[in-house]
Protein backbone atom coordinates (compact mmCIF):
# COMPACT_ATOMS: atom_id res chain seq x y z
CA MET A 1 52.66 -14.24 13.73
CA THR A 2 50.67 -11.06 13.05
CA GLN A 3 50.57 -8.72 16.01
CA GLN A 4 47.09 -7.68 17.14
CA SER A 5 46.39 -3.96 16.79
CA ALA A 6 45.78 -1.87 19.90
CA TYR A 7 42.22 -1.15 18.70
CA ALA A 8 41.51 -4.87 18.29
CA ALA A 9 42.97 -5.52 21.75
CA ALA A 10 40.46 -2.96 23.07
CA GLY A 11 37.64 -4.98 21.53
CA VAL A 12 37.05 -3.26 18.16
CA ASP A 13 37.60 -5.42 15.07
CA ILE A 14 37.97 -3.17 12.02
CA GLU A 15 38.49 -6.14 9.69
CA ALA A 16 35.19 -7.67 10.83
CA GLY A 17 33.49 -4.38 10.01
CA ASP A 18 34.99 -4.42 6.54
CA ARG A 19 33.77 -7.99 5.99
CA ALA A 20 30.29 -6.99 7.11
CA VAL A 21 30.23 -4.19 4.52
CA GLU A 22 31.21 -6.64 1.78
CA LEU A 23 28.45 -9.04 2.81
CA MET A 24 25.74 -6.36 2.78
CA LYS A 25 26.59 -4.78 -0.60
CA GLU A 26 24.27 -7.02 -2.61
CA SER A 27 21.34 -6.38 -0.26
CA VAL A 28 21.77 -2.62 -0.39
CA ALA A 29 22.07 -2.68 -4.20
CA ARG A 30 18.53 -4.11 -4.44
CA THR A 31 17.11 -0.89 -2.99
CA ARG A 32 18.79 1.42 -5.49
CA ARG A 33 16.59 4.05 -7.12
CA PRO A 34 17.59 5.98 -10.28
CA GLU A 35 18.27 9.07 -8.16
CA VAL A 36 21.00 7.36 -6.10
CA LEU A 37 24.43 8.66 -7.16
CA SER A 38 26.68 7.10 -4.53
CA GLY A 39 27.79 3.59 -3.73
CA LEU A 40 28.19 1.84 -0.42
CA GLY A 41 31.24 2.86 1.59
CA GLY A 42 31.33 6.62 1.03
CA PHE A 43 31.24 9.20 3.80
CA ALA A 44 27.79 10.36 2.71
CA GLY A 45 25.01 9.06 0.50
CA LEU A 46 24.17 11.14 -2.56
CA PHE A 47 20.65 11.46 -3.96
CA ASP A 48 19.85 13.44 -7.10
CA ALA A 49 17.29 16.13 -6.20
CA GLY A 50 16.60 16.99 -9.84
CA PRO A 51 13.29 15.12 -10.02
CA ILE A 52 12.21 16.79 -6.78
CA ALA A 53 13.01 20.21 -8.19
CA ALA A 54 10.62 19.47 -11.05
CA MET A 55 7.70 19.26 -8.62
CA ARG A 56 5.40 22.27 -8.29
CA HIS A 57 6.13 22.95 -4.60
CA PRO A 58 8.05 20.07 -3.00
CA VAL A 59 8.09 19.74 0.77
CA LEU A 60 10.59 17.41 2.43
CA ALA A 61 9.50 15.19 5.30
CA THR A 62 11.79 13.36 7.69
CA SER A 63 11.41 10.77 10.40
CA THR A 64 13.62 8.73 12.70
CA ASP A 65 12.98 5.79 15.01
CA GLY A 66 14.29 2.51 16.33
CA ILE A 67 12.94 -0.97 16.92
CA GLY A 68 12.76 -0.93 20.70
CA THR A 69 13.00 -4.01 22.88
CA LYS A 70 11.82 -6.32 20.10
CA VAL A 71 15.52 -6.67 19.30
CA ALA A 72 15.79 -8.75 22.49
CA ILE A 73 13.46 -11.32 20.92
CA ALA A 74 15.53 -11.44 17.72
CA GLN A 75 18.73 -11.87 19.73
CA ALA A 76 17.24 -14.61 21.92
CA MET A 77 15.98 -16.52 18.87
CA GLY A 78 19.06 -15.95 16.75
CA VAL A 79 16.90 -14.61 13.91
CA HIS A 80 18.22 -11.29 12.63
CA ASP A 81 16.90 -10.89 9.08
CA THR A 82 13.29 -9.86 9.87
CA ILE A 83 13.61 -6.92 12.27
CA GLY A 84 14.56 -4.70 9.35
CA PHE A 85 10.84 -4.59 8.53
CA ASP A 86 10.19 -3.35 12.04
CA LEU A 87 12.72 -0.55 11.65
CA VAL A 88 11.61 0.50 8.18
CA GLY A 89 7.93 0.27 9.07
CA MET A 90 8.35 2.49 12.11
CA VAL A 91 10.22 5.12 10.08
CA VAL A 92 8.77 5.30 6.56
CA ASP A 93 5.14 4.92 7.62
CA ASP A 94 5.49 7.99 9.81
CA LEU A 95 6.35 9.84 6.58
CA VAL A 96 3.51 8.35 4.57
CA VAL A 97 0.80 9.64 6.91
CA CYS A 98 1.37 13.17 5.63
CA GLY A 99 1.25 11.91 2.05
CA ALA A 100 5.01 11.87 1.53
CA GLU A 101 6.75 9.33 -0.69
CA PRO A 102 9.80 7.90 1.15
CA LEU A 103 12.88 8.52 -0.97
CA PHE A 104 15.83 7.19 1.00
CA MET A 105 16.80 5.82 4.39
CA THR A 106 19.96 5.45 6.45
CA ASP A 107 20.51 3.03 9.33
CA TYR A 108 22.68 2.81 12.41
CA ILE A 109 23.64 -0.49 14.05
CA ALA A 110 25.40 -0.45 17.41
CA CYS A 111 26.73 -3.77 18.66
CA GLY A 112 29.01 -5.15 21.33
CA ARG A 113 30.92 -7.20 18.77
CA VAL A 114 30.76 -7.12 14.98
CA VAL A 115 29.81 -10.53 13.66
CA PRO A 116 29.81 -9.93 9.90
CA GLU A 117 27.14 -12.52 9.10
CA ARG A 118 24.82 -11.16 11.79
CA VAL A 119 25.24 -7.54 10.70
CA ALA A 120 24.68 -8.58 7.09
CA ALA A 121 21.48 -10.38 8.09
CA ILE A 122 20.18 -7.28 9.87
CA VAL A 123 20.95 -5.11 6.85
CA ARG A 124 19.41 -7.69 4.50
CA GLY A 125 16.12 -7.32 6.38
CA ILE A 126 16.34 -3.53 6.27
CA ALA A 127 17.08 -3.64 2.54
CA ASP A 128 14.20 -6.03 1.86
CA ALA A 129 11.84 -3.69 3.69
CA CYS A 130 13.19 -0.61 1.90
CA ALA A 131 12.64 -2.33 -1.44
CA HIS A 132 9.09 -3.16 -0.32
CA ALA A 133 8.53 0.49 0.58
CA GLY A 134 10.12 1.77 -2.62
CA CYS A 135 12.86 3.77 -0.89
CA ALA A 136 16.61 3.50 -1.28
CA LEU A 137 18.85 2.36 1.55
CA LEU A 138 21.30 5.16 0.94
CA GLY A 139 23.86 4.47 3.63
CA GLY A 140 24.43 3.59 7.23
CA GLU A 141 26.88 2.97 10.02
CA THR A 142 27.88 -0.05 12.08
CA ALA A 143 29.56 0.80 15.37
CA GLU A 144 31.25 -1.63 17.73
CA HIS A 145 30.78 -0.69 21.40
CA PRO A 146 32.61 -3.25 23.56
CA GLY A 147 32.04 -2.70 27.25
CA LEU A 148 28.84 -0.76 26.58
CA LEU A 149 26.96 -3.66 24.93
CA GLY A 150 27.47 -7.38 25.44
CA PRO A 151 29.18 -9.35 22.65
CA ASP A 152 25.85 -10.57 21.25
CA GLU A 153 23.83 -7.43 21.95
CA TYR A 154 22.92 -4.82 19.37
CA ASP A 155 20.48 -2.01 18.73
CA VAL A 156 19.25 -0.60 15.44
CA ALA A 157 17.92 2.83 14.48
CA GLY A 158 17.25 4.64 11.23
CA ALA A 159 16.10 7.83 9.57
CA ALA A 160 14.30 8.48 6.30
CA THR A 161 13.49 11.42 4.05
CA GLY A 162 10.45 11.77 1.83
CA VAL A 163 8.77 14.38 -0.34
CA VAL A 164 5.22 15.56 -0.94
CA GLU A 165 3.61 18.36 -2.93
CA ARG A 166 2.65 21.11 -0.52
CA ASP A 167 -0.97 21.21 -1.64
CA ARG A 168 -1.26 17.44 -1.14
CA ILE A 169 -0.06 17.30 2.48
CA LEU A 170 -2.50 15.30 4.57
CA GLY A 171 -3.40 16.23 8.12
CA ALA A 172 -5.89 17.38 10.71
CA GLU A 173 -6.73 20.58 8.84
CA ARG A 174 -8.42 18.52 6.11
CA VAL A 175 -10.61 16.43 8.44
CA ARG A 176 -14.33 17.25 8.40
CA ALA A 177 -17.44 16.20 10.29
CA GLY A 178 -19.01 13.28 8.44
CA ASP A 179 -15.67 11.74 7.50
CA VAL A 180 -15.20 8.02 8.02
CA VAL A 181 -12.32 6.26 9.77
CA LEU A 182 -10.91 3.30 7.87
CA ALA A 183 -8.84 0.73 9.79
CA LEU A 184 -5.96 -1.06 8.05
CA GLU A 185 -5.12 -4.44 9.53
CA SER A 186 -1.84 -4.91 11.39
CA SER A 187 0.34 -8.00 11.04
CA GLY A 188 0.44 -8.41 14.81
CA LEU A 189 2.19 -6.53 17.59
CA HIS A 190 4.40 -4.65 15.12
CA SER A 191 7.21 -3.01 17.11
CA ASN A 192 5.54 -1.33 20.07
CA GLY A 193 4.66 -2.39 23.57
CA TYR A 194 7.29 -5.12 23.78
CA SER A 195 8.40 -4.05 27.25
CA LEU A 196 4.87 -4.84 28.43
CA VAL A 197 4.57 -8.02 26.35
CA ARG A 198 7.94 -9.36 27.49
CA HIS A 199 7.15 -8.54 31.12
CA VAL A 200 3.78 -10.28 30.97
CA LEU A 201 4.59 -13.40 28.94
CA LEU A 202 8.30 -14.02 29.49
CA GLU A 203 9.02 -12.62 32.94
CA HIS A 204 5.71 -12.84 34.82
CA ALA A 205 4.24 -15.98 33.22
CA GLY A 206 7.66 -17.56 32.60
CA TRP A 207 6.79 -18.74 29.08
CA ALA A 208 9.64 -19.82 26.82
CA LEU A 209 9.97 -18.49 23.29
CA ASP A 210 9.80 -22.04 21.90
CA ARG A 211 6.51 -22.73 23.70
CA ASP A 212 3.75 -23.85 21.34
CA VAL A 213 0.69 -21.67 21.91
CA PRO A 214 -2.50 -23.19 20.46
CA GLU A 215 -4.30 -19.84 20.37
CA LEU A 216 -1.55 -18.51 18.10
CA GLY A 217 -1.07 -21.61 15.97
CA ARG A 218 2.70 -21.36 16.35
CA THR A 219 5.38 -20.80 18.97
CA LEU A 220 5.43 -17.71 21.14
CA GLY A 221 8.74 -16.60 19.65
CA GLU A 222 7.44 -16.87 16.10
CA GLU A 223 4.46 -14.69 17.02
CA LEU A 224 6.55 -12.09 18.80
CA LEU A 225 9.01 -11.88 15.92
CA GLU A 226 6.31 -11.42 13.24
CA PRO A 227 7.57 -8.45 11.17
CA THR A 228 5.82 -5.11 11.17
CA ARG A 229 3.62 -4.53 8.12
CA VAL A 230 5.05 -1.78 5.92
CA TYR A 231 2.14 0.28 4.55
CA ALA A 232 4.04 2.85 2.47
CA ARG A 233 3.15 1.77 -1.06
CA ASP A 234 -0.40 0.81 -0.07
CA CYS A 235 -1.04 4.23 1.44
CA LEU A 236 0.51 6.07 -1.50
CA ALA A 237 -1.64 4.05 -3.89
CA LEU A 238 -4.66 4.94 -1.78
CA VAL A 239 -4.09 8.71 -1.80
CA ASP A 240 -3.44 8.61 -5.54
CA ALA A 241 -6.73 6.82 -6.20
CA VAL A 242 -9.26 8.35 -3.81
CA GLU A 243 -9.73 11.44 -1.67
CA VAL A 244 -8.05 11.00 1.72
CA HIS A 245 -7.96 13.71 4.38
CA ALA A 246 -5.59 12.29 6.98
CA MET A 247 -3.80 9.12 8.07
CA SER A 248 -2.45 7.99 11.40
CA HIS A 249 0.25 5.39 12.04
CA VAL A 250 -0.75 3.35 15.09
CA THR A 251 2.46 2.89 17.08
CA GLY A 252 3.31 3.50 20.75
CA GLY A 253 0.27 4.92 22.54
CA GLY A 254 -2.29 2.81 20.76
CA LEU A 255 -5.14 3.58 18.40
CA ALA A 256 -6.95 6.39 20.22
CA ASN A 257 -3.86 8.40 21.12
CA ASN A 258 -2.38 8.24 17.64
CA LEU A 259 -5.64 8.94 15.86
CA ALA A 260 -6.20 11.97 18.10
CA ARG A 261 -3.09 13.56 16.55
CA VAL A 262 -5.02 14.13 13.30
CA VAL A 263 -8.35 15.19 14.81
CA PRO A 264 -8.69 18.99 14.97
CA SER A 265 -10.36 21.00 17.71
CA GLY A 266 -14.12 21.07 17.40
CA LEU A 267 -14.35 17.52 16.07
CA ALA A 268 -14.54 14.11 17.73
CA VAL A 269 -14.06 10.54 16.54
CA GLN A 270 -15.97 7.54 17.82
CA VAL A 271 -14.36 4.17 17.12
CA GLU A 272 -16.55 1.07 17.33
CA ARG A 273 -14.74 -1.86 18.89
CA SER A 274 -17.43 -4.14 17.47
CA SER A 275 -16.09 -3.52 13.96
CA TRP A 276 -13.26 -6.01 14.49
CA ALA A 277 -12.22 -8.96 16.62
CA LEU A 278 -9.03 -8.79 18.67
CA PRO A 279 -6.28 -10.96 17.15
CA PRO A 280 -5.35 -13.74 19.61
CA VAL A 281 -2.00 -12.33 20.75
CA PHE A 282 -3.62 -9.22 22.21
CA GLY A 283 -6.21 -11.18 24.13
CA LEU A 284 -3.43 -13.44 25.39
CA VAL A 285 -1.45 -10.51 26.79
CA GLN A 286 -4.58 -9.14 28.43
CA GLU A 287 -5.61 -12.45 29.99
CA VAL A 288 -2.21 -13.80 31.11
CA GLY A 289 -1.09 -10.47 32.50
CA ALA A 290 -4.46 -9.36 33.86
CA VAL A 291 -3.86 -6.14 31.92
CA SER A 292 -6.72 -3.66 32.08
CA ARG A 293 -8.40 -2.63 28.85
CA PRO A 294 -7.30 1.02 29.24
CA ASP A 295 -3.68 -0.10 29.64
CA LEU A 296 -3.93 -2.49 26.70
CA GLU A 297 -5.49 0.11 24.42
CA ALA A 298 -2.95 2.75 25.44
CA THR A 299 -0.01 0.48 24.62
CA LEU A 300 -0.75 -1.91 21.73
CA ASN A 301 -2.27 -1.53 18.25
CA LEU A 302 -4.91 -4.25 18.88
CA GLY A 303 -4.92 -5.31 15.24
CA VAL A 304 -5.05 -1.87 13.60
CA GLY A 305 -1.70 -0.67 12.30
CA MET A 306 -2.79 2.32 10.24
CA VAL A 307 -5.96 4.36 9.85
CA ALA A 308 -7.17 6.64 7.09
CA VAL A 309 -9.71 9.42 7.56
CA LEU A 310 -11.63 10.02 4.36
CA PRO A 311 -15.00 11.11 2.98
CA ALA A 312 -17.74 8.50 3.10
CA ALA A 313 -17.88 8.60 -0.71
CA SER A 314 -14.29 7.28 -0.87
CA VAL A 315 -14.81 4.26 1.37
CA ASP A 316 -15.96 1.56 -1.07
CA ALA A 317 -13.22 2.33 -3.58
CA ALA A 318 -10.62 2.49 -0.79
CA VAL A 319 -11.57 -0.87 0.69
CA ALA A 320 -11.58 -2.50 -2.75
CA LEU A 321 -8.22 -1.00 -3.70
CA LEU A 322 -6.56 -2.17 -0.49
CA ALA A 323 -8.13 -5.63 -0.77
CA GLY A 324 -6.67 -5.89 -4.26
CA ARG A 325 -3.27 -5.21 -2.70
CA GLY A 326 -3.77 -7.96 -0.14
CA LEU A 327 -4.57 -5.64 2.74
CA ARG A 328 -7.79 -5.98 4.75
CA ALA A 329 -9.47 -2.69 5.68
CA TRP A 330 -12.81 -1.86 7.27
CA VAL A 331 -14.82 1.10 8.56
CA CYS A 332 -14.15 1.39 12.29
CA GLY A 333 -15.45 4.83 13.17
CA SER A 334 -16.73 8.24 12.19
CA VAL A 335 -16.01 11.93 12.71
CA SER A 336 -18.62 14.25 14.20
CA ALA A 337 -18.84 17.83 15.39
CA ALA A 338 -18.04 18.58 19.01
CA GLY A 339 -17.96 21.82 20.96
CA THR A 340 -16.38 24.71 19.11
CA ASP A 341 -13.48 24.95 21.55
CA ALA A 342 -13.31 21.25 22.39
CA PRO A 343 -9.94 19.62 21.67
CA GLY A 344 -9.96 16.86 19.09
CA ALA A 345 -10.89 13.67 20.90
CA VAL A 346 -11.14 9.96 20.15
CA SER A 347 -13.28 7.51 22.09
CA LEU A 348 -13.55 3.74 21.75
CA VAL A 349 -17.00 2.34 22.45
CA GLY A 350 -18.70 -1.05 22.60
CA GLU A 351 -17.18 -4.51 22.75
CA HIS A 352 -14.94 -6.29 20.26
CA ALA A 353 -16.51 -8.83 17.95
CA VAL A 354 -15.95 -12.50 18.71
CA ALA A 355 -13.59 -14.19 16.26
């Protein structure tokens, strides 16, 4: 009889970790770019910077994030291979808004108990999303934290690095009066506001995840687990094809607060609610939870996951390009001059269209 190691007796299974690494190797390999020099299992990931050095004036961009309490939905449903899109979307699309191409990403999975198949499923989702975004999954870490997390609990975080030519960096300094705001459709809630959504629908209303919701056309759990749309390649294609001045990733804080981050002093943006209808899940949260419109708009994306600020002359080509990539986009607002010393501001006006 093999004697159990002291570490295993304390709740950490090194062999399970090794099995998890073996199971995830194929998924990670699918994200490999030509610049990747290292394999899975090293102490550090290696990425050849030669192509970057050939750029005129390369600027590195970096971002880090997690998934938030959406992981509780994945755990409750026993579906672990989709939240990778939520992680990757939250990280790489924060890079893309400045015009940077995401090059590589690393992840960190903390769990109460390593279940190799579950860890491999999580990494498979991350790898699928990285491949979709065009970035390499360069490495990561899985840590077992018995006593800190329950046996079936886990959390996931990640970081990514990208690169952009200095003279092509997008941002508030490029935005001008007369520019147009283009909304890019979200796939749903994405990965923000789940503390509110869970409180309203699961705790307050007492709805079960397997409840069929006619307004959604599927179960509540299926709606809540809908993966975040990853915009990276779409946005890079857009800035390569037409003139774009700025982009904003609509995450925690909602549309107005995130868009305001790329509106300079002396300018103001007016967003017309009438330019789109609220997807059903947002109206459901508002109605069931009696959530005020200011609270809803300050928490959720309301159907807009990314916005681009661009000259009016770029709009038609931009909408057509994105449509050709399967992404619906529409003009939702405009930029105008404000007081010289006025801080950049965003206001939402009117009423949403009826679906």
